[in-house]
Amino acid sequence: MCRFESEYKFIGKIVEEVSIKINRVPLHVADNTVGLESRMLEVTSLLGLESDERVNIVGIYGIGGIGKSTTARAVHNLIADQFEGVCFLADIREREIHHGLVQLQETLLSEILGEKYIKVGDVNKGISIIKRSLKRKKVLLILDDVDKEKQLQALVGGHDWFGSGSKIIITTRDKHLLATHGIVKVYE
């Protein structure tokens, strides 16, 4: 009986992983974006995808309108299938103003864990839940248009929040913000 039970669980795990990958929808990236391929290669190189099991955080920095978000979406589409959980949080600057950090934490958890309704209560509980829920998961997390240190503290904290091989991309107009959070791998 035990053998069949473990086989059943194994098959269930395979079905779950395939289902997640099949249902993953690519993000829209404008056609014929000049220089996009070289930017994608630079960012993926900084992420250290080739057999690198470290958690890597890469910042994409520059003025508004130069293609930071487009580059991040294109990288997402290229590498998302290599991860157990994926989340692209767009327009964080605006979303925090209108909905708050708790809603951003709930969206992050919901997308990565594949659960519809996750309630965290407050930012500090959200931090604890993110750390506990994701510390053993290999995730791809993209935070788009970050403009405050408190957003990084509430959403990515440190490398120890995420499982081995996780990759995090942060787009921002503020290079100092990346340095303040200890992010040294930066594409400008």
N, C-alpha and C. Protein backbone atom coordinates (compact mmCIF):
# COMPACT_ATOMS: atom_id res chain seq x y z
N MET A 1 0.82 -1.20 0.00
CA MET A 1 0.00 0.00 0.00
C MET A 1 0.86 1.26 0.00
N CYS A 2 1.98 1.27 0.73
CA CYS A 2 2.85 2.44 0.82
C CYS A 2 3.46 2.80 -0.54
N ARG A 3 3.83 1.79 -1.30
CA ARG A 3 4.44 2.03 -2.60
C ARG A 3 3.47 2.76 -3.52
N PHE A 4 2.21 2.32 -3.53
CA PHE A 4 1.21 2.95 -4.39
C PHE A 4 0.92 4.38 -3.93
N GLU A 5 0.94 4.57 -2.63
CA GLU A 5 0.69 5.90 -2.08
C GLU A 5 1.80 6.87 -2.50
N SER A 6 3.05 6.43 -2.43
CA SER A 6 4.16 7.31 -2.81
C SER A 6 4.16 7.55 -4.32
N GLU A 7 3.81 6.54 -5.11
CA GLU A 7 3.70 6.73 -6.56
C GLU A 7 2.59 7.72 -6.89
N TYR A 8 1.49 7.61 -6.17
CA TYR A 8 0.36 8.52 -6.37
C TYR A 8 0.79 9.96 -6.08
N LYS A 9 1.50 10.17 -4.98
CA LYS A 9 1.98 11.51 -4.62
C LYS A 9 2.97 12.03 -5.66
N PHE A 10 3.86 11.15 -6.14
CA PHE A 10 4.85 11.52 -7.15
C PHE A 10 4.16 11.96 -8.44
N ILE A 11 3.19 11.19 -8.89
CA ILE A 11 2.45 11.53 -10.11
C ILE A 11 1.69 12.84 -9.90
N GLY A 12 1.10 13.01 -8.73
CA GLY A 12 0.39 14.25 -8.42
C GLY A 12 1.30 15.46 -8.51
N LYS A 13 2.53 15.32 -8.03
CA LYS A 13 3.51 16.41 -8.07
C LYS A 13 3.87 16.75 -9.52
N ILE A 14 4.05 15.73 -10.36
CA ILE A 14 4.36 15.96 -11.77
C ILE A 14 3.21 16.68 -12.45
N VAL A 15 1.99 16.23 -12.22
CA VAL A 15 0.80 16.86 -12.81
C VAL A 15 0.72 18.32 -12.39
N GLU A 16 0.98 18.59 -11.13
CA GLU A 16 0.93 19.96 -10.61
C GLU A 16 1.97 20.85 -11.30
N GLU A 17 3.20 20.37 -11.44
CA GLU A 17 4.26 21.15 -12.06
C GLU A 17 3.98 21.41 -13.54
N VAL A 18 3.51 20.40 -14.26
CA VAL A 18 3.18 20.57 -15.67
C VAL A 18 2.03 21.55 -15.83
N SER A 19 1.03 21.43 -14.98
CA SER A 19 -0.12 22.32 -15.03
C SER A 19 0.29 23.78 -14.84
N ILE A 20 1.18 24.03 -13.90
CA ILE A 20 1.65 25.39 -13.65
C ILE A 20 2.34 25.94 -14.89
N LYS A 21 3.20 25.14 -15.50
CA LYS A 21 3.94 25.61 -16.67
C LYS A 21 3.04 25.81 -17.89
N ILE A 22 2.06 24.94 -18.06
CA ILE A 22 1.15 25.07 -19.20
C ILE A 22 0.29 26.32 -19.06
N ASN A 23 -0.12 26.63 -17.85
CA ASN A 23 -1.02 27.76 -17.62
C ASN A 23 -0.29 29.10 -17.50
N ARG A 24 1.02 29.12 -17.57
CA ARG A 24 1.78 30.36 -17.47
C ARG A 24 1.61 31.16 -18.75
N VAL A 25 1.18 32.40 -18.61
CA VAL A 25 0.91 33.25 -19.77
C VAL A 25 2.08 34.22 -19.95
N PRO A 26 2.63 34.30 -21.18
CA PRO A 26 3.72 35.26 -21.39
C PRO A 26 3.21 36.70 -21.29
N LEU A 27 4.08 37.57 -20.82
CA LEU A 27 3.74 38.99 -20.71
C LEU A 27 3.91 39.66 -22.07
N HIS A 28 3.13 40.71 -22.31
CA HIS A 28 3.22 41.42 -23.59
C HIS A 28 4.52 42.21 -23.68
N VAL A 29 5.22 42.02 -24.79
CA VAL A 29 6.42 42.78 -25.10
C VAL A 29 6.25 43.30 -26.52
N ALA A 30 6.42 44.60 -26.69
CA ALA A 30 6.25 45.22 -28.01
C ALA A 30 7.18 44.59 -29.03
N ASP A 31 6.66 44.39 -30.24
CA ASP A 31 7.46 43.83 -31.33
C ASP A 31 8.52 44.84 -31.78
N ASN A 32 9.62 44.31 -32.27
CA ASN A 32 10.69 45.12 -32.87
C ASN A 32 11.24 46.21 -31.94
N THR A 33 11.37 45.91 -30.68
CA THR A 33 11.96 46.86 -29.74
C THR A 33 13.47 46.89 -29.97
N VAL A 34 13.99 48.07 -30.30
CA VAL A 34 15.40 48.22 -30.65
C VAL A 34 16.29 47.90 -29.45
N GLY A 35 17.26 47.02 -29.67
CA GLY A 35 18.24 46.70 -28.64
C GLY A 35 17.76 45.77 -27.54
N LEU A 36 16.54 45.26 -27.66
CA LEU A 36 15.98 44.44 -26.59
C LEU A 36 16.78 43.16 -26.36
N GLU A 37 17.18 42.52 -27.43
CA GLU A 37 17.89 41.24 -27.29
C GLU A 37 19.20 41.39 -26.51
N SER A 38 19.96 42.44 -26.81
CA SER A 38 21.23 42.63 -26.09
C SER A 38 20.98 42.97 -24.62
N ARG A 39 19.92 43.75 -24.33
CA ARG A 39 19.59 44.05 -22.92
C ARG A 39 19.18 42.78 -22.19
N MET A 40 18.39 41.92 -22.86
CA MET A 40 17.98 40.65 -22.25
C MET A 40 19.20 39.79 -21.91
N LEU A 41 20.14 39.71 -22.83
CA LEU A 41 21.34 38.91 -22.60
C LEU A 41 22.16 39.44 -21.42
N GLU A 42 22.28 40.76 -21.33
CA GLU A 42 23.02 41.37 -20.22
C GLU A 42 22.36 41.03 -18.88
N VAL A 43 21.04 41.20 -18.81
CA VAL A 43 20.32 40.97 -17.55
C VAL A 43 20.37 39.49 -17.18
N THR A 44 20.15 38.59 -18.14
CA THR A 44 20.20 37.16 -17.81
C THR A 44 21.61 36.75 -17.38
N SER A 45 22.61 37.38 -17.95
CA SER A 45 23.99 37.11 -17.53
C SER A 45 24.20 37.54 -16.07
N LEU A 46 23.69 38.71 -15.71
CA LEU A 46 23.80 39.19 -14.33
C LEU A 46 23.04 38.28 -13.36
N LEU A 47 21.94 37.70 -13.82
CA LEU A 47 21.15 36.80 -12.96
C LEU A 47 21.90 35.52 -12.62
N GLY A 48 22.85 35.12 -13.48
CA GLY A 48 23.63 33.92 -13.22
C GLY A 48 22.80 32.65 -13.29
N LEU A 49 22.13 32.45 -14.41
CA LEU A 49 21.23 31.31 -14.56
C LEU A 49 21.95 29.97 -14.70
N GLU A 50 23.13 29.99 -15.28
CA GLU A 50 23.85 28.75 -15.56
C GLU A 50 24.36 28.12 -14.27
N SER A 51 23.68 27.13 -13.83
CA SER A 51 24.05 26.32 -12.66
C SER A 51 24.37 27.13 -11.41
N ASP A 52 23.83 28.31 -11.31
CA ASP A 52 24.04 29.14 -10.13
C ASP A 52 22.87 28.94 -9.17
N GLU A 53 23.13 28.33 -8.05
CA GLU A 53 22.06 28.05 -7.08
C GLU A 53 21.91 29.15 -6.03
N ARG A 54 22.68 30.23 -6.19
CA ARG A 54 22.53 31.34 -5.26
C ARG A 54 21.28 32.14 -5.59
N VAL A 55 20.78 32.85 -4.60
CA VAL A 55 19.70 33.81 -4.83
C VAL A 55 20.38 35.08 -5.34
N ASN A 56 20.00 35.51 -6.54
CA ASN A 56 20.59 36.71 -7.13
C ASN A 56 19.54 37.78 -7.30
N ILE A 57 19.90 38.99 -6.92
CA ILE A 57 19.03 40.15 -7.10
C ILE A 57 19.73 41.11 -8.05
N VAL A 58 19.03 41.46 -9.13
CA VAL A 58 19.58 42.35 -10.15
C VAL A 58 18.69 43.58 -10.26
N GLY A 59 19.32 44.73 -10.30
CA GLY A 59 18.58 45.97 -10.50
C GLY A 59 18.71 46.43 -11.94
N ILE A 60 17.62 46.94 -12.49
CA ILE A 60 17.64 47.60 -13.80
C ILE A 60 17.30 49.06 -13.52
N TYR A 61 18.26 49.93 -13.79
CA TYR A 61 18.14 51.33 -13.42
C TYR A 61 18.16 52.22 -14.66
N GLY A 62 17.39 53.31 -14.63
CA GLY A 62 17.43 54.30 -15.70
C GLY A 62 16.25 55.25 -15.62
N ILE A 63 16.30 56.28 -16.44
CA ILE A 63 15.22 57.26 -16.47
C ILE A 63 13.95 56.62 -17.04
N GLY A 64 12.82 57.27 -16.81
CA GLY A 64 11.55 56.75 -17.30
C GLY A 64 11.50 56.66 -18.81
N GLY A 65 10.89 55.60 -19.32
CA GLY A 65 10.65 55.47 -20.75
C GLY A 65 11.78 54.87 -21.57
N ILE A 66 12.83 54.36 -20.93
CA ILE A 66 13.95 53.82 -21.72
C ILE A 66 13.88 52.31 -21.92
N GLY A 67 12.85 51.66 -21.37
CA GLY A 67 12.68 50.23 -21.63
C GLY A 67 13.01 49.30 -20.48
N LYS A 68 13.06 49.81 -19.27
CA LYS A 68 13.36 48.94 -18.11
C LYS A 68 12.28 47.86 -17.95
N SER A 69 11.03 48.28 -17.97
CA SER A 69 9.92 47.33 -17.80
C SER A 69 9.83 46.36 -18.97
N THR A 70 10.04 46.86 -20.17
CA THR A 70 10.01 45.99 -21.35
C THR A 70 11.10 44.93 -21.26
N THR A 71 12.29 45.34 -20.85
CA THR A 71 13.39 44.38 -20.69
C THR A 71 13.03 43.33 -19.64
N ALA A 72 12.48 43.78 -18.52
CA ALA A 72 12.11 42.84 -17.44
C ALA A 72 11.03 41.86 -17.91
N ARG A 73 10.04 42.35 -18.67
CA ARG A 73 9.00 41.45 -19.20
C ARG A 73 9.59 40.43 -20.16
N ALA A 74 10.49 40.88 -21.02
CA ALA A 74 11.12 39.97 -21.99
C ALA A 74 11.95 38.90 -21.28
N VAL A 75 12.70 39.29 -20.26
CA VAL A 75 13.48 38.31 -19.48
C VAL A 75 12.54 37.33 -18.79
N HIS A 76 11.45 37.84 -18.23
CA HIS A 76 10.43 36.98 -17.62
C HIS A 76 9.98 35.91 -18.60
N ASN A 77 9.61 36.33 -19.81
CA ASN A 77 9.11 35.38 -20.81
C ASN A 77 10.16 34.35 -21.19
N LEU A 78 11.41 34.76 -21.18
CA LEU A 78 12.50 33.87 -21.56
C LEU A 78 12.80 32.80 -20.51
N ILE A 79 12.71 33.15 -19.22
CA ILE A 79 13.21 32.24 -18.18
C ILE A 79 12.16 31.72 -17.20
N ALA A 80 10.93 32.17 -17.28
CA ALA A 80 9.91 31.84 -16.27
C ALA A 80 9.72 30.34 -16.06
N ASP A 81 9.86 29.55 -17.10
CA ASP A 81 9.62 28.11 -16.98
C ASP A 81 10.67 27.38 -16.13
N GLN A 82 11.73 28.07 -15.76
CA GLN A 82 12.78 27.44 -14.95
C GLN A 82 12.51 27.53 -13.45
N PHE A 83 11.34 28.09 -13.07
CA PHE A 83 11.08 28.37 -11.66
C PHE A 83 9.79 27.72 -11.18
N GLU A 84 9.76 27.40 -9.88
CA GLU A 84 8.56 26.83 -9.26
C GLU A 84 7.44 27.85 -9.14
N GLY A 85 7.81 29.08 -8.88
CA GLY A 85 6.83 30.15 -8.73
C GLY A 85 7.34 31.40 -9.40
N VAL A 86 6.40 32.17 -9.98
CA VAL A 86 6.76 33.37 -10.73
C VAL A 86 5.78 34.48 -10.39
N CYS A 87 6.32 35.70 -10.26
CA CYS A 87 5.46 36.86 -10.03
C CYS A 87 6.10 38.09 -10.67
N PHE A 88 5.31 38.81 -11.46
CA PHE A 88 5.71 40.10 -12.01
C PHE A 88 4.79 41.14 -11.41
N LEU A 89 5.31 41.92 -10.47
CA LEU A 89 4.52 42.99 -9.85
C LEU A 89 4.81 44.29 -10.59
N ALA A 90 3.87 44.71 -11.43
CA ALA A 90 4.04 45.91 -12.25
C ALA A 90 3.64 47.17 -11.49
N ASP A 91 4.25 48.28 -11.87
CA ASP A 91 3.85 49.62 -11.39
C ASP A 91 3.75 49.71 -9.86
N ILE A 92 4.76 49.25 -9.17
CA ILE A 92 4.72 49.24 -7.70
C ILE A 92 4.55 50.64 -7.13
N ARG A 93 5.20 51.62 -7.72
CA ARG A 93 5.10 53.00 -7.22
C ARG A 93 3.64 53.43 -7.14
N GLU A 94 2.90 53.25 -8.23
CA GLU A 94 1.48 53.63 -8.29
C GLU A 94 0.60 52.71 -7.44
N ARG A 95 0.86 51.43 -7.51
CA ARG A 95 0.01 50.47 -6.78
C ARG A 95 0.14 50.64 -5.27
N GLU A 96 1.32 51.01 -4.80
CA GLU A 96 1.45 51.25 -3.36
C GLU A 96 0.62 52.46 -2.94
N ILE A 97 0.64 53.51 -3.74
CA ILE A 97 -0.14 54.72 -3.42
C ILE A 97 -1.62 54.39 -3.32
N HIS A 98 -2.13 53.63 -4.28
CA HIS A 98 -3.57 53.38 -4.36
C HIS A 98 -4.06 52.19 -3.53
N HIS A 99 -3.20 51.18 -3.33
CA HIS A 99 -3.65 49.95 -2.66
C HIS A 99 -2.83 49.55 -1.44
N GLY A 100 -1.63 50.08 -1.29
CA GLY A 100 -0.80 49.79 -0.13
C GLY A 100 0.10 48.57 -0.28
N LEU A 101 1.06 48.47 0.62
CA LEU A 101 2.04 47.37 0.59
C LEU A 101 1.42 46.02 0.90
N VAL A 102 0.41 45.99 1.76
CA VAL A 102 -0.23 44.72 2.12
C VAL A 102 -0.82 44.07 0.87
N GLN A 103 -1.49 44.85 0.04
CA GLN A 103 -2.08 44.30 -1.19
C GLN A 103 -0.98 43.78 -2.12
N LEU A 104 0.14 44.47 -2.19
CA LEU A 104 1.26 44.00 -3.01
C LEU A 104 1.81 42.68 -2.47
N GLN A 105 1.93 42.56 -1.15
CA GLN A 105 2.38 41.31 -0.54
C GLN A 105 1.41 40.17 -0.84
N GLU A 106 0.12 40.45 -0.74
CA GLU A 106 -0.90 39.43 -1.01
C GLU A 106 -0.85 38.98 -2.47
N THR A 107 -0.67 39.92 -3.39
CA THR A 107 -0.56 39.57 -4.80
C THR A 107 0.68 38.72 -5.06
N LEU A 108 1.80 39.12 -4.49
CA LEU A 108 3.05 38.37 -4.63
C LEU A 108 2.86 36.92 -4.18
N LEU A 109 2.32 36.73 -3.00
CA LEU A 109 2.11 35.38 -2.46
C LEU A 109 1.10 34.60 -3.30
N SER A 110 0.02 35.24 -3.68
CA SER A 110 -1.02 34.58 -4.45
C SER A 110 -0.48 34.06 -5.79
N GLU A 111 0.29 34.90 -6.48
CA GLU A 111 0.82 34.50 -7.79
C GLU A 111 1.88 33.41 -7.67
N ILE A 112 2.76 33.52 -6.71
CA ILE A 112 3.83 32.53 -6.58
C ILE A 112 3.31 31.20 -6.06
N LEU A 113 2.40 31.25 -5.10
CA LEU A 113 1.90 30.01 -4.50
C LEU A 113 0.72 29.43 -5.26
N GLY A 114 0.14 30.21 -6.19
CA GLY A 114 -0.99 29.72 -6.99
C GLY A 114 -2.28 29.60 -6.20
N GLU A 115 -2.43 30.41 -5.17
CA GLU A 115 -3.64 30.41 -4.36
C GLU A 115 -4.38 31.72 -4.60
N LYS A 116 -5.72 31.63 -4.68
CA LYS A 116 -6.50 32.82 -5.03
C LYS A 116 -6.49 33.91 -3.97
N TYR A 117 -6.91 33.59 -2.78
CA TYR A 117 -7.08 34.63 -1.77
C TYR A 117 -6.15 34.39 -0.59
N ILE A 118 -5.15 35.23 -0.49
CA ILE A 118 -4.24 35.17 0.64
C ILE A 118 -4.34 36.50 1.37
N LYS A 119 -4.63 36.44 2.63
CA LYS A 119 -4.72 37.65 3.46
C LYS A 119 -3.55 37.65 4.43
N VAL A 120 -2.84 38.78 4.49
CA VAL A 120 -1.69 38.85 5.39
C VAL A 120 -1.94 39.77 6.59
N GLY A 121 -2.94 40.60 6.55
CA GLY A 121 -3.27 41.46 7.69
C GLY A 121 -2.52 42.77 7.71
N ASP A 122 -1.23 42.71 7.98
CA ASP A 122 -0.41 43.92 7.98
C ASP A 122 0.96 43.61 7.39
N VAL A 123 1.75 44.66 7.15
CA VAL A 123 3.03 44.50 6.47
C VAL A 123 3.97 43.56 7.22
N ASN A 124 4.06 43.67 8.53
CA ASN A 124 4.97 42.80 9.28
C ASN A 124 4.57 41.33 9.22
N LYS A 125 3.27 41.05 9.29
CA LYS A 125 2.80 39.67 9.11
C LYS A 125 3.11 39.20 7.70
N GLY A 126 2.92 40.10 6.74
CA GLY A 126 3.22 39.77 5.34
C GLY A 126 4.66 39.37 5.15
N ILE A 127 5.56 40.11 5.79
CA ILE A 127 6.99 39.78 5.71
C ILE A 127 7.23 38.37 6.25
N SER A 128 6.66 38.07 7.40
CA SER A 128 6.83 36.73 8.00
C SER A 128 6.28 35.64 7.10
N ILE A 129 5.11 35.89 6.51
CA ILE A 129 4.49 34.88 5.63
C ILE A 129 5.32 34.68 4.38
N ILE A 130 5.82 35.76 3.77
CA ILE A 130 6.65 35.64 2.57
C ILE A 130 7.90 34.82 2.90
N LYS A 131 8.59 35.16 3.98
CA LYS A 131 9.81 34.44 4.36
C LYS A 131 9.53 32.95 4.59
N ARG A 132 8.47 32.67 5.34
CA ARG A 132 8.15 31.28 5.67
C ARG A 132 7.69 30.50 4.43
N SER A 133 6.91 31.12 3.58
CA SER A 133 6.32 30.42 2.43
C SER A 133 7.28 30.23 1.27
N LEU A 134 8.25 31.12 1.12
CA LEU A 134 9.08 31.10 -0.08
C LEU A 134 10.53 30.68 0.16
N LYS A 135 10.93 30.45 1.40
CA LYS A 135 12.34 30.18 1.67
C LYS A 135 12.83 28.85 1.09
N ARG A 136 11.93 27.99 0.69
CA ARG A 136 12.34 26.72 0.07
C ARG A 136 11.88 26.61 -1.39
N LYS A 137 11.38 27.71 -1.94
CA LYS A 137 10.90 27.71 -3.32
C LYS A 137 11.87 28.47 -4.22
N LYS A 138 12.12 27.90 -5.38
CA LYS A 138 12.92 28.58 -6.39
C LYS A 138 11.96 29.48 -7.18
N VAL A 139 12.11 30.79 -6.99
CA VAL A 139 11.15 31.72 -7.59
C VAL A 139 11.83 32.73 -8.50
N LEU A 140 11.03 33.24 -9.42
CA LEU A 140 11.40 34.40 -10.22
C LEU A 140 10.45 35.51 -9.80
N LEU A 141 11.01 36.57 -9.26
CA LEU A 141 10.20 37.70 -8.79
C LEU A 141 10.70 38.96 -9.47
N ILE A 142 9.78 39.67 -10.11
CA ILE A 142 10.14 40.93 -10.76
C ILE A 142 9.31 42.04 -10.14
N LEU A 143 10.00 43.03 -9.59
CA LEU A 143 9.36 44.20 -9.00
C LEU A 143 9.61 45.38 -9.93
N ASP A 144 8.55 45.89 -10.52
CA ASP A 144 8.65 46.93 -11.54
C ASP A 144 8.32 48.30 -10.96
N ASP A 145 9.18 49.26 -11.22
CA ASP A 145 9.00 50.66 -10.84
C ASP A 145 8.97 50.85 -9.32
N VAL A 146 9.99 50.35 -8.67
CA VAL A 146 10.15 50.52 -7.22
C VAL A 146 10.74 51.91 -6.98
N ASP A 147 10.19 52.63 -5.99
CA ASP A 147 10.73 53.96 -5.71
C ASP A 147 11.02 54.23 -4.24
N LYS A 148 10.80 53.23 -3.38
CA LYS A 148 11.04 53.43 -1.94
C LYS A 148 11.70 52.19 -1.33
N GLU A 149 12.58 52.43 -0.38
CA GLU A 149 13.26 51.35 0.33
C GLU A 149 12.25 50.47 1.06
N LYS A 150 11.20 51.06 1.62
CA LYS A 150 10.22 50.27 2.37
C LYS A 150 9.51 49.24 1.48
N GLN A 151 9.41 49.52 0.18
CA GLN A 151 8.82 48.54 -0.75
C GLN A 151 9.73 47.32 -0.85
N LEU A 152 11.03 47.56 -0.96
CA LEU A 152 11.98 46.45 -1.02
C LEU A 152 12.00 45.68 0.29
N GLN A 153 11.96 46.38 1.41
CA GLN A 153 11.96 45.72 2.71
C GLN A 153 10.73 44.83 2.90
N ALA A 154 9.59 45.26 2.37
CA ALA A 154 8.34 44.52 2.55
C ALA A 154 8.17 43.39 1.54
N LEU A 155 8.84 43.48 0.38
CA LEU A 155 8.58 42.51 -0.69
C LEU A 155 9.74 41.55 -0.94
N VAL A 156 10.98 41.99 -0.76
CA VAL A 156 12.11 41.08 -1.00
C VAL A 156 13.07 40.93 0.16
N GLY A 157 13.05 41.84 1.09
CA GLY A 157 13.91 41.71 2.27
C GLY A 157 15.32 41.33 1.92
N GLY A 158 15.70 40.10 2.24
CA GLY A 158 17.05 39.62 1.98
C GLY A 158 17.07 38.35 1.15
N HIS A 159 18.28 37.93 0.82
CA HIS A 159 18.47 36.72 0.02
C HIS A 159 17.90 35.48 0.71
N ASP A 160 17.88 35.50 2.04
CA ASP A 160 17.44 34.32 2.80
C ASP A 160 15.91 34.15 2.80
N TRP A 161 15.19 35.06 2.18
CA TRP A 161 13.73 34.92 2.09
C TRP A 161 13.33 33.88 1.05
N PHE A 162 14.23 33.57 0.12
CA PHE A 162 13.86 32.77 -1.04
C PHE A 162 14.72 31.52 -1.15
N GLY A 163 14.19 30.53 -1.85
CA GLY A 163 14.89 29.27 -2.01
C GLY A 163 16.08 29.36 -2.94
N SER A 164 16.90 28.35 -2.87
CA SER A 164 18.10 28.25 -3.69
C SER A 164 17.76 28.41 -5.17
N GLY A 165 18.55 29.22 -5.87
CA GLY A 165 18.36 29.42 -7.30
C GLY A 165 17.34 30.49 -7.67
N SER A 166 16.74 31.12 -6.68
CA SER A 166 15.76 32.18 -6.96
C SER A 166 16.45 33.39 -7.60
N LYS A 167 15.70 34.07 -8.47
CA LYS A 167 16.21 35.26 -9.15
C LYS A 167 15.19 36.39 -8.99
N ILE A 168 15.70 37.57 -8.68
CA ILE A 168 14.84 38.72 -8.45
C ILE A 168 15.35 39.87 -9.30
N ILE A 169 14.43 40.52 -10.00
CA ILE A 169 14.75 41.68 -10.82
C ILE A 169 13.96 42.86 -10.28
N ILE A 170 14.64 43.99 -10.13
CA ILE A 170 14.00 45.20 -9.64
C ILE A 170 14.25 46.31 -10.64
N THR A 171 13.18 46.93 -11.16
CA THR A 171 13.36 48.09 -12.02
C THR A 171 13.08 49.35 -11.21
N THR A 172 13.91 50.36 -11.43
CA THR A 172 13.77 51.61 -10.68
C THR A 172 14.43 52.76 -11.43
N ARG A 173 14.01 53.97 -11.08
CA ARG A 173 14.65 55.18 -11.60
C ARG A 173 15.72 55.68 -10.64
N ASP A 174 15.83 55.05 -9.47
CA ASP A 174 16.68 55.53 -8.39
C ASP A 174 17.82 54.54 -8.11
N LYS A 175 19.00 54.84 -8.65
CA LYS A 175 20.15 53.96 -8.47
C LYS A 175 20.56 53.86 -7.00
N HIS A 176 20.41 54.94 -6.26
CA HIS A 176 20.76 54.97 -4.83
C HIS A 176 19.92 53.96 -4.05
N LEU A 177 18.67 53.79 -4.45
CA LEU A 177 17.77 52.83 -3.79
C LEU A 177 18.34 51.41 -3.86
N LEU A 178 18.89 51.05 -5.00
CA LEU A 178 19.49 49.72 -5.17
C LEU A 178 20.70 49.57 -4.25
N ALA A 179 21.56 50.58 -4.22
CA ALA A 179 22.75 50.54 -3.37
C ALA A 179 22.38 50.45 -1.89
N THR A 180 21.37 51.20 -1.49
CA THR A 180 20.91 51.20 -0.10
C THR A 180 20.46 49.81 0.33
N HIS A 181 19.87 49.06 -0.60
CA HIS A 181 19.38 47.72 -0.29
C HIS A 181 20.47 46.65 -0.51
N GLY A 182 21.68 47.08 -0.86
CA GLY A 182 22.79 46.15 -1.02
C GLY A 182 22.80 45.42 -2.35
N ILE A 183 22.12 45.96 -3.34
CA ILE A 183 22.07 45.33 -4.66
C ILE A 183 23.24 45.85 -5.49
N VAL A 184 24.17 44.96 -5.80
CA VAL A 184 25.38 45.36 -6.51
C VAL A 184 25.36 44.98 -7.98
N LYS A 185 24.51 44.05 -8.35
CA LYS A 185 24.40 43.67 -9.76
C LYS A 185 23.35 44.58 -10.40
N VAL A 186 23.83 45.54 -11.20
CA VAL A 186 22.95 46.56 -11.75
C VAL A 186 23.17 46.68 -13.25
N TYR A 187 22.06 46.69 -14.00
CA TYR A 187 22.12 46.99 -15.43
C TYR A 187 21.61 48.41 -15.61
N GLU A 188 22.43 49.24 -16.24
CA GLU A 188 22.07 50.65 -16.42
C GLU A 188 21.77 50.94 -17.88
